[in-house]
Amino acid sequence: MNKLLNILFAFTFIAFVQADDHKSFGVQYADWDIGGLGASSVDLGYSAQNDNMIFSFGILRADPDFGSGATIWSSGVDFATGDWEVGTPFFGLSYSDSNVSDVDGVVGYEIGYARSASSGTNYSFSFTSCNDDCDTSTNLGFSWDIGNGNNIGLSYSVEDDNDTLGLGYIKKW
């Protein structure tokens, strides 16, 4: 598992330096409904996009209405089968872990369709699962270009009885 994590971090670092399409930084506030219990999070993310790959790294701080909070981080890569600028099917691989004791990191798998361009409206529809005891999630995201590389984003994810709704800001360059 650690080898996979190291490989993903290496790819992500290389992409930070060599991305030729665009790079982006985002911040999001998310509201979680976890089996009827509430939580909120502040998420930070960075991604670098080149011809047919998007490398990403994210970290979030979840503060539930119950129990203690958690810091969760992830790194991943998405592979496009076509052109990101016009919309393309893609598949992805990620690794996520947290500071919660007795919880191991998980490898995530994703398949979907997305448009990721430096300007205009972007969108993503995907399904994710993992190598551990998790159900398949359905994910939907949109971001709208408001000028000068600034974007406003909206995301929704549902997995069994867990829902997450997010509102964010993305800066692209």
C-alpha atoms as a PDB file:
ATOM      1  CA  MET A   1       0.000   0.000   0.000  1.00  0.00           C
ATOM      2  CA  ASN A   2       2.812   2.422   0.834  1.00  0.00           C
ATOM      3  CA  LYS A   3       4.401   1.797  -2.580  1.00  0.00           C
ATOM      4  CA  LEU A   4       1.150   2.797  -4.280  1.00  0.00           C
ATOM      5  CA  LEU A   5       0.959   5.935  -2.169  1.00  0.00           C
ATOM      6  CA  ASN A   6       4.560   6.850  -3.009  1.00  0.00           C
ATOM      7  CA  ILE A   7       3.946   6.333  -6.726  1.00  0.00           C
ATOM      8  CA  LEU A   8       0.840   8.549  -6.642  1.00  0.00           C
ATOM      9  CA  PHE A   9       2.722  11.276  -4.761  1.00  0.00           C
ATOM     10  CA  ALA A  10       5.589  11.079  -7.265  1.00  0.00           C
ATOM     11  CA  PHE A  11       3.225  11.402 -10.233  1.00  0.00           C
ATOM     12  CA  THR A  12       1.429  14.279  -8.526  1.00  0.00           C
ATOM     13  CA  PHE A  13       4.690  16.128  -7.854  1.00  0.00           C
ATOM     14  CA  ILE A  14       5.867  15.663 -11.449  1.00  0.00           C
ATOM     15  CA  ALA A  15       2.511  16.939 -12.711  1.00  0.00           C
ATOM     16  CA  PHE A  16       2.753  20.052 -10.516  1.00  0.00           C
ATOM     17  CA  VAL A  17       5.939  20.969 -12.317  1.00  0.00           C
ATOM     18  CA  GLN A  18       5.062  19.891 -15.872  1.00  0.00           C
ATOM     19  CA  ALA A  19       1.317  20.482 -16.371  1.00  0.00           C
ATOM     20  CA  ASP A  20       0.836  22.074 -19.766  1.00  0.00           C
ATOM     21  CA  ASP A  21      -2.968  22.443 -19.911  1.00  0.00           C
ATOM     22  CA  HIS A  22      -3.666  24.102 -16.578  1.00  0.00           C
ATOM     23  CA  LYS A  23      -3.289  23.910 -12.823  1.00  0.00           C
ATOM     24  CA  SER A  24      -5.936  24.737 -10.252  1.00  0.00           C
ATOM     25  CA  PHE A  25      -6.334  25.354  -6.548  1.00  0.00           C
ATOM     26  CA  GLY A  26      -9.706  25.047  -4.853  1.00  0.00           C
ATOM     27  CA  VAL A  27     -11.387  25.477  -1.513  1.00  0.00           C
ATOM     28  CA  GLN A  28     -14.790  23.999  -0.698  1.00  0.00           C
ATOM     29  CA  TYR A  29     -17.239  23.975   2.180  1.00  0.00           C
ATOM     30  CA  ALA A  30     -19.162  20.698   2.361  1.00  0.00           C
ATOM     31  CA  ASP A  31     -22.172  19.626   4.399  1.00  0.00           C
ATOM     32  CA  TRP A  32     -22.368  15.903   5.181  1.00  0.00           C
ATOM     33  CA  ASP A  33     -25.360  13.753   6.155  1.00  0.00           C
ATOM     34  CA  ILE A  34     -23.939  10.475   7.452  1.00  0.00           C
ATOM     35  CA  GLY A  35     -26.803   8.129   8.211  1.00  0.00           C
ATOM     36  CA  GLY A  36     -28.852  10.983   9.678  1.00  0.00           C
ATOM     37  CA  LEU A  37     -25.928  12.545  11.584  1.00  0.00           C
ATOM     38  CA  GLY A  38     -24.438  15.836  10.417  1.00  0.00           C
ATOM     39  CA  ALA A  39     -20.899  17.016   9.748  1.00  0.00           C
ATOM     40  CA  SER A  40     -19.205  19.805   7.861  1.00  0.00           C
ATOM     41  CA  SER A  41     -15.798  20.077   6.243  1.00  0.00           C
ATOM     42  CA  VAL A  42     -13.440  22.564   4.696  1.00  0.00           C
ATOM     43  CA  ASP A  43     -11.609  20.991   1.759  1.00  0.00           C
ATOM     44  CA  LEU A  44      -8.457  22.221   0.002  1.00  0.00           C
ATOM     45  CA  GLY A  45      -7.332  20.762  -3.305  1.00  0.00           C
ATOM     46  CA  TYR A  46      -4.693  21.186  -5.973  1.00  0.00           C
ATOM     47  CA  SER A  47      -4.707  19.609  -9.427  1.00  0.00           C
ATOM     48  CA  ALA A  48      -2.515  19.655 -12.492  1.00  0.00           C
ATOM     49  CA  GLN A  49      -3.808  18.662 -15.907  1.00  0.00           C
ATOM     50  CA  ASN A  50      -1.951  17.636 -19.037  1.00  0.00           C
ATOM     51  CA  ASP A  51      -3.006  15.943 -22.268  1.00  0.00           C
ATOM     52  CA  ASN A  52      -4.798  12.892 -20.913  1.00  0.00           C
ATOM     53  CA  MET A  53      -4.166  12.916 -17.146  1.00  0.00           C
ATOM     54  CA  ILE A  54      -5.244  14.931 -14.139  1.00  0.00           C
ATOM     55  CA  PHE A  55      -3.179  14.552 -10.986  1.00  0.00           C
ATOM     56  CA  SER A  56      -4.718  15.766  -7.752  1.00  0.00           C
ATOM     57  CA  PHE A  57      -3.978  16.155  -4.083  1.00  0.00           C
ATOM     58  CA  GLY A  58      -6.509  17.151  -1.436  1.00  0.00           C
ATOM     59  CA  ILE A  59      -6.919  17.554   2.273  1.00  0.00           C
ATOM     60  CA  LEU A  60     -10.042  18.182   4.313  1.00  0.00           C
ATOM     61  CA  ARG A  61     -10.950  18.766   7.921  1.00  0.00           C
ATOM     62  CA  ALA A  62     -14.265  17.173   8.886  1.00  0.00           C
ATOM     63  CA  ASP A  63     -15.992  18.400  12.038  1.00  0.00           C
ATOM     64  CA  PRO A  64     -19.005  16.262  12.931  1.00  0.00           C
ATOM     65  CA  ASP A  65     -21.930  17.203  15.143  1.00  0.00           C
ATOM     66  CA  PHE A  66     -21.006  14.012  17.035  1.00  0.00           C
ATOM     67  CA  GLY A  67     -17.644  12.724  18.288  1.00  0.00           C
ATOM     68  CA  SER A  68     -14.288  14.197  17.318  1.00  0.00           C
ATOM     69  CA  GLY A  69     -13.111  15.591  13.970  1.00  0.00           C
ATOM     70  CA  ALA A  70     -10.793  14.075  11.412  1.00  0.00           C
ATOM     71  CA  THR A  71      -8.248  15.236   8.870  1.00  0.00           C
ATOM     72  CA  ILE A  72      -8.401  13.285   5.609  1.00  0.00           C
ATOM     73  CA  TRP A  73      -5.955  13.517   2.713  1.00  0.00           C
ATOM     74  CA  SER A  74      -5.903  11.939  -0.719  1.00  0.00           C
ATOM     75  CA  SER A  75      -3.867  11.807  -3.895  1.00  0.00           C
ATOM     76  CA  GLY A  76      -4.976  10.484  -7.242  1.00  0.00           C
ATOM     77  CA  VAL A  77      -4.680  10.351 -10.995  1.00  0.00           C
ATOM     78  CA  ASP A  78      -7.441  10.323 -13.632  1.00  0.00           C
ATOM     79  CA  PHE A  79      -6.818   9.023 -17.156  1.00  0.00           C
ATOM     80  CA  ALA A  80      -8.915  10.362 -20.055  1.00  0.00           C
ATOM     81  CA  THR A  81      -9.762   8.283 -23.110  1.00  0.00           C
ATOM     82  CA  GLY A  82     -10.335  11.456 -25.188  1.00  0.00           C
ATOM     83  CA  ASP A  83      -9.993  15.228 -24.926  1.00  0.00           C
ATOM     84  CA  TRP A  84     -10.658  16.811 -21.505  1.00  0.00           C
ATOM     85  CA  GLU A  85     -11.489  20.145 -23.210  1.00  0.00           C
ATOM     86  CA  VAL A  86     -14.625  18.802 -24.965  1.00  0.00           C
ATOM     87  CA  GLY A  87     -15.633  16.016 -22.542  1.00  0.00           C
ATOM     88  CA  THR A  88     -14.368  12.461 -22.280  1.00  0.00           C
ATOM     89  CA  PRO A  89     -14.835   9.178 -20.465  1.00  0.00           C
ATOM     90  CA  PHE A  90     -12.191   8.656 -17.781  1.00  0.00           C
ATOM     91  CA  PHE A  91     -11.055   6.256 -15.105  1.00  0.00           C
ATOM     92  CA  GLY A  92      -9.094   7.040 -11.967  1.00  0.00           C
ATOM     93  CA  LEU A  93      -7.111   5.617  -9.098  1.00  0.00           C
ATOM     94  CA  SER A  94      -6.578   7.285  -5.714  1.00  0.00           C
ATOM     95  CA  TYR A  95      -5.282   6.684  -2.223  1.00  0.00           C
ATOM     96  CA  SER A  96      -6.886   8.246   0.875  1.00  0.00           C
ATOM     97  CA  ASP A  97      -5.971   8.118   4.541  1.00  0.00           C
ATOM     98  CA  SER A  98      -6.748   9.997   7.754  1.00  0.00           C
ATOM     99  CA  ASN A  99      -5.511  10.737  11.239  1.00  0.00           C
ATOM    100  CA  VAL A 100      -8.222   8.493  12.734  1.00  0.00           C
ATOM    101  CA  SER A 101      -6.672   5.623  14.668  1.00  0.00           C
ATOM    102  CA  ASP A 102      -7.739   2.092  13.746  1.00  0.00           C
ATOM    103  CA  VAL A 103      -8.703   3.249  10.235  1.00  0.00           C
ATOM    104  CA  ASP A 104      -6.470   2.124   7.377  1.00  0.00           C
ATOM    105  CA  GLY A 105      -5.999   4.036   4.133  1.00  0.00           C
ATOM    106  CA  VAL A 106      -8.008   2.936   1.108  1.00  0.00           C
ATOM    107  CA  VAL A 107      -7.365   2.665  -2.605  1.00  0.00           C
ATOM    108  CA  GLY A 108     -10.215   4.210  -4.588  1.00  0.00           C
ATOM    109  CA  TYR A 109     -11.392   3.402  -8.109  1.00  0.00           C
ATOM    110  CA  GLU A 110     -13.416   5.777 -10.275  1.00  0.00           C
ATOM    111  CA  ILE A 111     -15.069   5.686 -13.691  1.00  0.00           C
ATOM    112  CA  GLY A 112     -16.998   8.526 -15.265  1.00  0.00           C
ATOM    113  CA  TYR A 113     -17.389  11.246 -17.858  1.00  0.00           C
ATOM    114  CA  ALA A 114     -16.014  14.774 -17.475  1.00  0.00           C
ATOM    115  CA  ARG A 115     -15.184  18.053 -19.165  1.00  0.00           C
ATOM    116  CA  SER A 116     -12.181  19.842 -17.686  1.00  0.00           C
ATOM    117  CA  ALA A 117     -11.146  22.978 -19.554  1.00  0.00           C
ATOM    118  CA  SER A 118      -9.352  26.162 -18.571  1.00  0.00           C
ATOM    119  CA  SER A 119     -12.491  28.204 -19.358  1.00  0.00           C
ATOM    120  CA  GLY A 120     -16.226  27.675 -19.668  1.00  0.00           C
ATOM    121  CA  THR A 121     -18.480  25.324 -17.742  1.00  0.00           C
ATOM    122  CA  ASN A 122     -16.876  22.122 -16.486  1.00  0.00           C
ATOM    123  CA  TYR A 123     -18.696  19.038 -15.242  1.00  0.00           C
ATOM    124  CA  SER A 124     -18.093  15.536 -13.979  1.00  0.00           C
ATOM    125  CA  PHE A 125     -20.321  12.512 -13.425  1.00  0.00           C
ATOM    126  CA  SER A 126     -18.709   9.421 -11.906  1.00  0.00           C
ATOM    127  CA  PHE A 127     -18.976   6.314  -9.790  1.00  0.00           C
ATOM    128  CA  THR A 128     -16.364   5.496  -7.133  1.00  0.00           C
ATOM    129  CA  SER A 129     -15.640   2.493  -4.974  1.00  0.00           C
ATOM    130  CA  CYS A 130     -12.692   1.226  -2.942  1.00  0.00           C
ATOM    131  CA  ASN A 131     -10.732  -1.846  -1.935  1.00  0.00           C
ATOM    132  CA  ASP A 132     -12.212  -1.821   1.564  1.00  0.00           C
ATOM    133  CA  ASP A 133     -15.730  -2.174   2.943  1.00  0.00           C
ATOM    134  CA  CYS A 134     -17.402   0.691   1.058  1.00  0.00           C
ATOM    135  CA  ASP A 135     -20.409   1.051  -1.197  1.00  0.00           C
ATOM    136  CA  THR A 136     -20.292   2.608  -4.658  1.00  0.00           C
ATOM    137  CA  SER A 137     -20.699   6.392  -4.604  1.00  0.00           C
ATOM    138  CA  THR A 138     -22.413   8.424  -7.298  1.00  0.00           C
ATOM    139  CA  ASN A 139     -20.754  11.822  -7.793  1.00  0.00           C
ATOM    140  CA  LEU A 140     -21.860  14.907  -9.709  1.00  0.00           C
ATOM    141  CA  GLY A 141     -19.938  18.168 -10.018  1.00  0.00           C
ATOM    142  CA  PHE A 142     -20.186  21.448 -11.948  1.00  0.00           C
ATOM    143  CA  SER A 143     -18.032  24.556 -12.058  1.00  0.00           C
ATOM    144  CA  TRP A 144     -18.793  27.812 -13.810  1.00  0.00           C
ATOM    145  CA  ASP A 145     -16.147  30.179 -15.165  1.00  0.00           C
ATOM    146  CA  ILE A 146     -16.748  33.698 -13.800  1.00  0.00           C
ATOM    147  CA  GLY A 147     -13.729  35.260 -15.532  1.00  0.00           C
ATOM    148  CA  ASN A 148      -9.971  35.597 -15.143  1.00  0.00           C
ATOM    149  CA  GLY A 149      -9.489  31.943 -14.157  1.00  0.00           C
ATOM    150  CA  ASN A 150     -12.008  32.184 -11.296  1.00  0.00           C
ATOM    151  CA  ASN A 151     -14.670  29.477 -10.999  1.00  0.00           C
ATOM    152  CA  ILE A 152     -17.562  28.694  -8.663  1.00  0.00           C
ATOM    153  CA  GLY A 153     -18.257  24.997  -8.111  1.00  0.00           C
ATOM    154  CA  LEU A 154     -21.087  22.829  -6.820  1.00  0.00           C
ATOM    155  CA  SER A 155     -20.741  19.121  -5.990  1.00  0.00           C
ATOM    156  CA  TYR A 156     -23.001  16.341  -4.754  1.00  0.00           C
ATOM    157  CA  SER A 157     -22.109  12.791  -3.752  1.00  0.00           C
ATOM    158  CA  VAL A 158     -24.311   9.973  -2.464  1.00  0.00           C
ATOM    159  CA  GLU A 159     -23.276   6.582  -1.077  1.00  0.00           C
ATOM    160  CA  ASP A 160     -25.991   4.415   0.460  1.00  0.00           C
ATOM    161  CA  ASP A 161     -27.388   6.679   3.237  1.00  0.00           C
ATOM    162  CA  ASN A 162     -24.512   9.205   3.161  1.00  0.00           C
ATOM    163  CA  ASP A 163     -24.926  12.468   1.244  1.00  0.00           C
ATOM    164  CA  THR A 164     -22.429  15.298   0.735  1.00  0.00           C
ATOM    165  CA  LEU A 165     -23.196  18.699  -0.788  1.00  0.00           C
ATOM    166  CA  GLY A 166     -20.336  21.114  -1.470  1.00  0.00           C
ATOM    167  CA  LEU A 167     -19.925  24.715  -2.620  1.00  0.00           C
ATOM    168  CA  GLY A 168     -16.487  25.911  -3.642  1.00  0.00           C
ATOM    169  CA  TYR A 169     -14.152  28.346  -5.345  1.00  0.00           C
ATOM    170  CA  ILE A 170     -11.518  27.255  -7.898  1.00  0.00           C
ATOM    171  CA  LYS A 171      -8.651  29.335  -9.306  1.00  0.00           C
ATOM    172  CA  LYS A 172      -7.134  28.085 -12.591  1.00  0.00           C
ATOM    173  CA  TRP A 173      -3.945  29.200 -14.286  1.00  0.00           C
END
